[in-house]
Amino acid sequence: QVQLVESGGGSVQAGGSLRLSCAASGTVFSINAMGWYRQAPGKQRDLVAAITSGFSTNYADSVKGRFTISRANAKNTVYLQMSSLKPEDTAVYYCNTKLLGVDYWGKGTLVTVSS
């Protein structure tokens, strides 16, 4: 059973930084592509950033240059470093991976950015 547990959310003022972590278990982490998604109230869940097993990354246009995704395979953990945060970054952030065609999600961590 794949389990993903996010941490690191909180409240921050605009321009501030946060680092989210996602600890994975129940899978061979090093072979999984991992992603961070976010969902703001009343909106759909959208991809923020993703990283492959080969450490290739891609980002949503809205976060390019401000967010950095990374992974530590020895710790079965993926990170999302968020800088220059804006009020529009306020959302619940979810960790995701797909294994044998099945999507797995964490429960999410709330990020609130005040102006």
N, C-alpha and C. Protein backbone atom coordinates (compact mmCIF):
# COMPACT_ATOMS: atom_id res chain seq x y z
N GLN A 1 0.85 -1.19 0.00
CA GLN A 1 0.00 0.00 0.00
C GLN A 1 0.88 1.24 0.00
N VAL A 2 0.75 2.04 -1.04
CA VAL A 2 1.51 3.27 -1.12
C VAL A 2 0.90 4.31 -0.20
N GLN A 3 1.72 4.94 0.59
CA GLN A 3 1.26 6.04 1.45
C GLN A 3 2.14 7.25 1.23
N LEU A 4 1.51 8.41 1.16
CA LEU A 4 2.19 9.68 0.99
C LEU A 4 1.74 10.61 2.11
N VAL A 5 2.70 11.20 2.79
CA VAL A 5 2.38 12.08 3.91
C VAL A 5 3.08 13.42 3.71
N GLU A 6 2.27 14.46 3.54
CA GLU A 6 2.81 15.81 3.35
C GLU A 6 3.00 16.52 4.68
N SER A 7 3.94 17.45 4.69
CA SER A 7 4.14 18.31 5.86
C SER A 7 4.79 19.61 5.39
N GLY A 8 4.78 20.59 6.28
CA GLY A 8 5.47 21.84 6.01
C GLY A 8 4.59 23.01 5.63
N GLY A 9 3.29 22.77 5.52
CA GLY A 9 2.40 23.88 5.20
C GLY A 9 2.28 24.85 6.37
N GLY A 10 1.64 25.97 6.12
CA GLY A 10 1.45 26.96 7.17
C GLY A 10 1.02 28.28 6.59
N SER A 11 1.08 29.30 7.43
CA SER A 11 0.71 30.65 7.03
C SER A 11 1.95 31.50 6.89
N VAL A 12 2.00 32.29 5.84
CA VAL A 12 3.16 33.13 5.57
C VAL A 12 2.69 34.40 4.86
N GLN A 13 3.45 35.46 5.03
CA GLN A 13 3.13 36.69 4.32
C GLN A 13 3.66 36.64 2.90
N ALA A 14 3.05 37.43 2.05
CA ALA A 14 3.50 37.53 0.66
C ALA A 14 4.99 37.87 0.62
N GLY A 15 5.69 37.18 -0.29
CA GLY A 15 7.13 37.35 -0.39
C GLY A 15 7.93 36.35 0.44
N GLY A 16 7.24 35.62 1.30
CA GLY A 16 7.92 34.67 2.16
C GLY A 16 8.17 33.34 1.48
N SER A 17 8.69 32.41 2.26
CA SER A 17 9.07 31.09 1.74
C SER A 17 8.56 29.98 2.65
N LEU A 18 8.33 28.83 2.05
CA LEU A 18 8.00 27.62 2.78
C LEU A 18 8.61 26.44 2.04
N ARG A 19 8.90 25.38 2.77
CA ARG A 19 9.33 24.14 2.14
C ARG A 19 8.40 23.01 2.55
N LEU A 20 7.78 22.41 1.55
CA LEU A 20 6.92 21.26 1.78
C LEU A 20 7.71 19.98 1.60
N SER A 21 7.33 18.98 2.38
CA SER A 21 7.93 17.65 2.27
C SER A 21 6.84 16.61 2.07
N CYS A 22 7.19 15.57 1.37
CA CYS A 22 6.27 14.45 1.17
C CYS A 22 7.07 13.16 1.37
N ALA A 23 6.72 12.43 2.41
CA ALA A 23 7.38 11.16 2.71
C ALA A 23 6.56 10.02 2.14
N ALA A 24 7.21 9.16 1.39
CA ALA A 24 6.53 8.04 0.72
C ALA A 24 6.92 6.72 1.36
N SER A 25 5.97 5.81 1.36
CA SER A 25 6.24 4.46 1.82
C SER A 25 5.42 3.49 0.98
N GLY A 26 5.81 2.22 1.02
CA GLY A 26 5.05 1.20 0.31
C GLY A 26 5.36 1.11 -1.17
N THR A 27 6.45 1.73 -1.61
CA THR A 27 6.82 1.68 -3.00
C THR A 27 8.33 1.79 -3.12
N VAL A 28 8.82 1.40 -4.29
CA VAL A 28 10.25 1.60 -4.56
C VAL A 28 10.39 3.04 -5.02
N PHE A 29 10.61 3.91 -4.08
CA PHE A 29 10.51 5.35 -4.32
C PHE A 29 11.36 5.81 -5.48
N SER A 30 12.54 5.27 -5.61
CA SER A 30 13.50 5.80 -6.58
C SER A 30 13.01 5.67 -8.02
N ILE A 31 12.06 4.77 -8.29
CA ILE A 31 11.60 4.58 -9.66
C ILE A 31 10.34 5.37 -9.95
N ASN A 32 9.79 6.02 -8.95
CA ASN A 32 8.53 6.74 -9.14
C ASN A 32 8.75 8.18 -9.55
N ALA A 33 7.99 8.61 -10.54
CA ALA A 33 7.85 10.04 -10.75
C ALA A 33 6.96 10.58 -9.63
N MET A 34 7.26 11.76 -9.16
CA MET A 34 6.52 12.37 -8.06
C MET A 34 6.04 13.75 -8.49
N GLY A 35 4.89 14.14 -7.96
CA GLY A 35 4.36 15.44 -8.31
C GLY A 35 3.74 16.15 -7.13
N TRP A 36 3.71 17.46 -7.22
CA TRP A 36 2.98 18.31 -6.29
C TRP A 36 1.83 18.97 -7.05
N TYR A 37 0.66 18.87 -6.48
CA TYR A 37 -0.53 19.52 -7.02
C TYR A 37 -1.08 20.47 -5.97
N ARG A 38 -1.94 21.37 -6.38
CA ARG A 38 -2.61 22.23 -5.42
C ARG A 38 -4.05 22.48 -5.84
N GLN A 39 -4.85 22.73 -4.82
CA GLN A 39 -6.27 23.00 -5.07
C GLN A 39 -6.71 24.13 -4.18
N ALA A 40 -7.09 25.22 -4.81
CA ALA A 40 -7.63 26.37 -4.10
C ALA A 40 -9.14 26.19 -3.93
N PRO A 41 -9.74 26.86 -2.96
CA PRO A 41 -11.19 26.72 -2.75
C PRO A 41 -11.98 27.00 -4.01
N GLY A 42 -12.86 26.09 -4.37
CA GLY A 42 -13.71 26.29 -5.53
C GLY A 42 -13.05 26.06 -6.87
N LYS A 43 -11.81 25.59 -6.85
CA LYS A 43 -11.08 25.40 -8.10
C LYS A 43 -10.66 23.94 -8.24
N GLN A 44 -10.24 23.58 -9.43
CA GLN A 44 -9.80 22.21 -9.67
C GLN A 44 -8.38 22.03 -9.16
N ARG A 45 -8.00 20.77 -9.01
CA ARG A 45 -6.65 20.45 -8.58
C ARG A 45 -5.72 20.51 -9.79
N ASP A 46 -4.66 21.28 -9.67
CA ASP A 46 -3.74 21.50 -10.79
C ASP A 46 -2.32 21.08 -10.43
N LEU A 47 -1.59 20.65 -11.44
CA LEU A 47 -0.19 20.30 -11.25
C LEU A 47 0.63 21.56 -10.98
N VAL A 48 1.48 21.49 -9.97
CA VAL A 48 2.40 22.58 -9.67
C VAL A 48 3.80 22.26 -10.18
N ALA A 49 4.27 21.06 -9.86
CA ALA A 49 5.62 20.66 -10.26
C ALA A 49 5.71 19.15 -10.22
N ALA A 50 6.62 18.61 -11.04
CA ALA A 50 6.83 17.17 -11.07
C ALA A 50 8.30 16.88 -11.28
N ILE A 51 8.71 15.70 -10.81
CA ILE A 51 10.10 15.27 -10.96
C ILE A 51 10.10 13.78 -11.28
N THR A 52 10.89 13.41 -12.28
CA THR A 52 10.95 12.01 -12.69
C THR A 52 12.00 11.25 -11.88
N SER A 53 12.06 9.96 -12.12
CA SER A 53 13.08 9.15 -11.46
C SER A 53 14.48 9.57 -11.91
N GLY A 54 14.57 10.16 -13.09
CA GLY A 54 15.85 10.66 -13.59
C GLY A 54 16.13 12.10 -13.24
N PHE A 55 15.30 12.65 -12.35
CA PHE A 55 15.46 14.01 -11.82
C PHE A 55 15.13 15.10 -12.83
N SER A 56 14.45 14.76 -13.92
CA SER A 56 13.92 15.81 -14.79
C SER A 56 12.73 16.46 -14.11
N THR A 57 12.60 17.76 -14.31
CA THR A 57 11.54 18.50 -13.64
C THR A 57 10.70 19.28 -14.63
N ASN A 58 9.46 19.55 -14.24
CA ASN A 58 8.65 20.50 -14.99
C ASN A 58 7.76 21.24 -14.01
N TYR A 59 7.38 22.45 -14.40
CA TYR A 59 6.65 23.35 -13.51
C TYR A 59 5.49 24.01 -14.24
N ALA A 60 4.47 24.32 -13.48
CA ALA A 60 3.41 25.18 -13.99
C ALA A 60 4.00 26.56 -14.27
N ASP A 61 3.50 27.21 -15.30
CA ASP A 61 4.03 28.53 -15.65
C ASP A 61 3.92 29.51 -14.49
N SER A 62 2.88 29.38 -13.69
CA SER A 62 2.64 30.33 -12.61
C SER A 62 3.67 30.26 -11.49
N VAL A 63 4.45 29.18 -11.43
CA VAL A 63 5.41 29.03 -10.33
C VAL A 63 6.85 28.97 -10.82
N LYS A 64 7.06 28.99 -12.12
CA LYS A 64 8.43 28.92 -12.65
C LYS A 64 9.28 30.06 -12.11
N GLY A 65 10.47 29.71 -11.67
CA GLY A 65 11.38 30.71 -11.11
C GLY A 65 11.16 30.99 -9.65
N ARG A 66 10.07 30.47 -9.08
CA ARG A 66 9.77 30.71 -7.66
C ARG A 66 9.78 29.41 -6.85
N PHE A 67 9.36 28.32 -7.46
CA PHE A 67 9.28 27.04 -6.77
C PHE A 67 10.33 26.08 -7.33
N THR A 68 10.83 25.20 -6.47
CA THR A 68 11.79 24.19 -6.88
C THR A 68 11.39 22.84 -6.28
N ILE A 69 11.25 21.85 -7.14
CA ILE A 69 10.97 20.50 -6.69
C ILE A 69 12.27 19.71 -6.67
N SER A 70 12.42 18.88 -5.64
CA SER A 70 13.61 18.04 -5.54
C SER A 70 13.23 16.75 -4.84
N ARG A 71 14.14 15.80 -4.87
CA ARG A 71 13.86 14.52 -4.23
C ARG A 71 15.12 13.99 -3.57
N ALA A 72 14.92 13.26 -2.49
CA ALA A 72 16.00 12.59 -1.78
C ALA A 72 15.62 11.11 -1.70
N ASN A 73 16.13 10.34 -2.64
CA ASN A 73 15.73 8.94 -2.72
C ASN A 73 16.12 8.15 -1.47
N ALA A 74 17.22 8.52 -0.86
CA ALA A 74 17.65 7.81 0.35
C ALA A 74 16.67 8.02 1.50
N LYS A 75 15.89 9.10 1.42
CA LYS A 75 14.92 9.40 2.47
C LYS A 75 13.49 9.16 2.01
N ASN A 76 13.32 8.64 0.78
CA ASN A 76 11.97 8.44 0.23
C ASN A 76 11.12 9.70 0.34
N THR A 77 11.72 10.83 0.04
CA THR A 77 11.05 12.11 0.27
C THR A 77 11.20 13.01 -0.96
N VAL A 78 10.13 13.72 -1.27
CA VAL A 78 10.17 14.75 -2.29
C VAL A 78 9.84 16.08 -1.63
N TYR A 79 10.46 17.14 -2.10
CA TYR A 79 10.33 18.46 -1.50
C TYR A 79 9.79 19.45 -2.52
N LEU A 80 9.17 20.49 -2.00
CA LEU A 80 8.79 21.63 -2.82
C LEU A 80 9.21 22.88 -2.07
N GLN A 81 10.27 23.51 -2.55
CA GLN A 81 10.73 24.78 -1.99
C GLN A 81 9.97 25.90 -2.68
N MET A 82 9.27 26.69 -1.90
CA MET A 82 8.44 27.77 -2.44
C MET A 82 8.96 29.09 -1.94
N SER A 83 9.28 29.97 -2.87
CA SER A 83 9.80 31.29 -2.53
C SER A 83 8.96 32.36 -3.22
N SER A 84 9.13 33.59 -2.76
CA SER A 84 8.38 34.72 -3.32
C SER A 84 6.89 34.38 -3.41
N LEU A 85 6.37 33.87 -2.32
CA LEU A 85 4.98 33.43 -2.32
C LEU A 85 4.02 34.59 -2.51
N LYS A 86 2.92 34.28 -3.19
CA LYS A 86 1.89 35.27 -3.50
C LYS A 86 0.56 34.80 -2.90
N PRO A 87 -0.35 35.71 -2.65
CA PRO A 87 -1.66 35.29 -2.13
C PRO A 87 -2.34 34.24 -3.02
N GLU A 88 -2.12 34.33 -4.31
CA GLU A 88 -2.74 33.36 -5.22
C GLU A 88 -2.12 31.96 -5.13
N ASP A 89 -1.06 31.80 -4.35
CA ASP A 89 -0.51 30.48 -4.09
C ASP A 89 -1.25 29.76 -2.96
N THR A 90 -2.16 30.45 -2.31
CA THR A 90 -2.94 29.86 -1.23
C THR A 90 -3.75 28.68 -1.75
N ALA A 91 -3.56 27.53 -1.12
CA ALA A 91 -4.23 26.30 -1.57
C ALA A 91 -3.84 25.16 -0.63
N VAL A 92 -4.53 24.05 -0.80
CA VAL A 92 -4.07 22.80 -0.21
C VAL A 92 -3.14 22.15 -1.23
N TYR A 93 -1.96 21.78 -0.78
CA TYR A 93 -0.96 21.17 -1.64
C TYR A 93 -0.92 19.65 -1.39
N TYR A 94 -0.98 18.91 -2.49
CA TYR A 94 -1.03 17.46 -2.43
C TYR A 94 0.18 16.84 -3.13
N CYS A 95 0.66 15.78 -2.54
CA CYS A 95 1.72 14.98 -3.14
C CYS A 95 1.08 13.84 -3.94
N ASN A 96 1.69 13.49 -5.05
CA ASN A 96 1.10 12.47 -5.93
C ASN A 96 2.18 11.59 -6.52
N THR A 97 1.83 10.31 -6.68
CA THR A 97 2.63 9.42 -7.50
C THR A 97 1.69 8.44 -8.18
N LYS A 98 2.17 7.82 -9.24
CA LYS A 98 1.38 6.84 -9.95
C LYS A 98 2.18 5.55 -10.01
N LEU A 99 1.52 4.45 -9.68
CA LEU A 99 2.18 3.16 -9.67
C LEU A 99 1.26 2.15 -10.34
N LEU A 100 1.75 1.50 -11.39
CA LEU A 100 0.96 0.51 -12.15
C LEU A 100 -0.38 1.10 -12.57
N GLY A 101 -0.36 2.35 -12.99
CA GLY A 101 -1.55 2.99 -13.51
C GLY A 101 -2.50 3.53 -12.46
N VAL A 102 -2.16 3.41 -11.21
CA VAL A 102 -3.01 3.89 -10.12
C VAL A 102 -2.40 5.15 -9.51
N ASP A 103 -3.23 6.18 -9.37
CA ASP A 103 -2.79 7.42 -8.73
C ASP A 103 -2.92 7.30 -7.22
N TYR A 104 -1.89 7.76 -6.54
CA TYR A 104 -1.91 7.81 -5.08
C TYR A 104 -1.71 9.26 -4.65
N TRP A 105 -2.47 9.64 -3.60
CA TRP A 105 -2.46 11.00 -3.10
C TRP A 105 -2.24 11.03 -1.60
N GLY A 106 -1.55 12.06 -1.14
CA GLY A 106 -1.53 12.32 0.28
C GLY A 106 -2.80 13.07 0.68
N LYS A 107 -2.90 13.37 1.97
CA LYS A 107 -4.09 14.07 2.47
C LYS A 107 -3.99 15.58 2.28
N GLY A 108 -2.81 16.06 1.96
CA GLY A 108 -2.64 17.47 1.67
C GLY A 108 -2.15 18.28 2.86
N THR A 109 -1.54 19.41 2.54
CA THR A 109 -1.10 20.37 3.56
C THR A 109 -1.49 21.76 3.09
N LEU A 110 -2.03 22.55 4.02
CA LEU A 110 -2.57 23.85 3.66
C LEU A 110 -1.49 24.92 3.69
N VAL A 111 -1.44 25.69 2.62
CA VAL A 111 -0.55 26.85 2.54
C VAL A 111 -1.43 28.09 2.40
N THR A 112 -1.23 29.04 3.30
CA THR A 112 -1.99 30.29 3.26
C THR A 112 -1.02 31.45 3.17
N VAL A 113 -1.18 32.26 2.13
CA VAL A 113 -0.31 33.41 1.91
C VAL A 113 -1.14 34.68 2.05
N SER A 114 -0.77 35.51 2.98
CA SER A 114 -1.51 36.75 3.22
C SER A 114 -0.78 37.93 2.59
N SER A 115 -1.58 38.90 2.18
CA SER A 115 -0.99 40.08 1.52
C SER A 115 -0.62 41.15 2.52
